[in-house]
Protein backbone atom coordinates (compact mmCIF):
# COMPACT_ATOMS: atom_id res chain seq x y z
CA MET A 1 -0.03 -0.06 -0.06
CA CYS A 2 2.87 2.45 0.83
CA PHE A 3 4.27 1.77 -2.63
CA LEU A 4 0.91 2.63 -4.24
CA ILE A 5 0.56 5.85 -2.19
CA LYS A 6 4.07 6.90 -3.28
CA LEU A 7 3.29 6.06 -6.82
CA VAL A 8 0.09 8.25 -6.80
CA LYS A 9 2.03 11.11 -5.18
CA PHE A 10 4.90 10.76 -7.61
CA THR A 11 2.74 10.77 -10.73
CA LYS A 12 0.05 13.18 -9.59
CA ASN A 13 -1.90 12.19 -12.65
CA TYR A 14 -4.99 10.11 -12.15
CA ILE A 15 -5.22 8.85 -15.79
CA SER A 16 -1.60 7.42 -15.62
CA VAL A 17 -2.38 5.79 -12.35
CA LEU A 18 -5.33 4.12 -13.83
CA PHE A 19 -3.30 3.08 -16.83
CA ILE A 20 -0.64 1.56 -14.51
CA PHE A 21 -3.38 -0.35 -12.55
CA LEU A 22 -4.74 -1.57 -15.95
CA VAL A 23 -1.38 -2.82 -17.03
CA ILE A 24 -0.84 -4.67 -13.63
CA LYS A 25 -4.31 -6.25 -13.90
CA ILE A 26 -3.49 -7.44 -17.48
CA CYS A 27 -0.19 -8.92 -16.32
CA ILE A 28 -1.81 -10.71 -13.48
CA LEU A 29 -4.57 -12.09 -15.75
CA CYS A 30 -2.00 -13.28 -18.22
CA LEU A 31 -0.04 -15.01 -15.51
CA VAL A 32 -3.26 -16.72 -14.24
CA ALA A 33 -4.14 -17.84 -17.75
CA ILE A 34 -0.76 -19.21 -18.37
CA GLY A 35 -0.87 -21.03 -15.05
CA ILE A 36 -4.30 -22.55 -15.81
CA ARG A 37 -3.36 -23.60 -19.30
CA GLY A 38 -0.24 -25.14 -17.96
CA THR A 39 -1.97 -27.21 -15.30
CA LEU A 40 -5.10 -28.12 -17.01
CA PRO A 41 -3.60 -30.35 -19.87
CA ARG A 42 -1.47 -32.17 -17.17
CA TYR A 43 -4.59 -32.74 -15.15
CA ARG A 44 -6.39 -34.23 -18.13
CA ILE A 45 -3.54 -36.41 -18.99
CA ASP A 46 -3.40 -37.56 -15.41
CA GLN A 47 -7.12 -38.38 -15.49
CA ILE A 48 -6.79 -40.24 -18.79
CA THR A 49 -3.82 -42.33 -17.41
CA GLN A 50 -5.82 -43.21 -14.30
CA TYR A 51 -8.82 -44.48 -16.23
CA ASN A 52 -6.67 -46.51 -18.52
């Protein structure tokens, strides 16, 4: 939180802060998507091998 407050005081521009938050959100969503795509195929392969 301290970092975000300093960031807001440093930029003093609401639009740029919103843009930074958008970029951070997109990065987090991309990481989550990569994580899900990385684990789901493994999970499906594990299920198939268990049934066989």
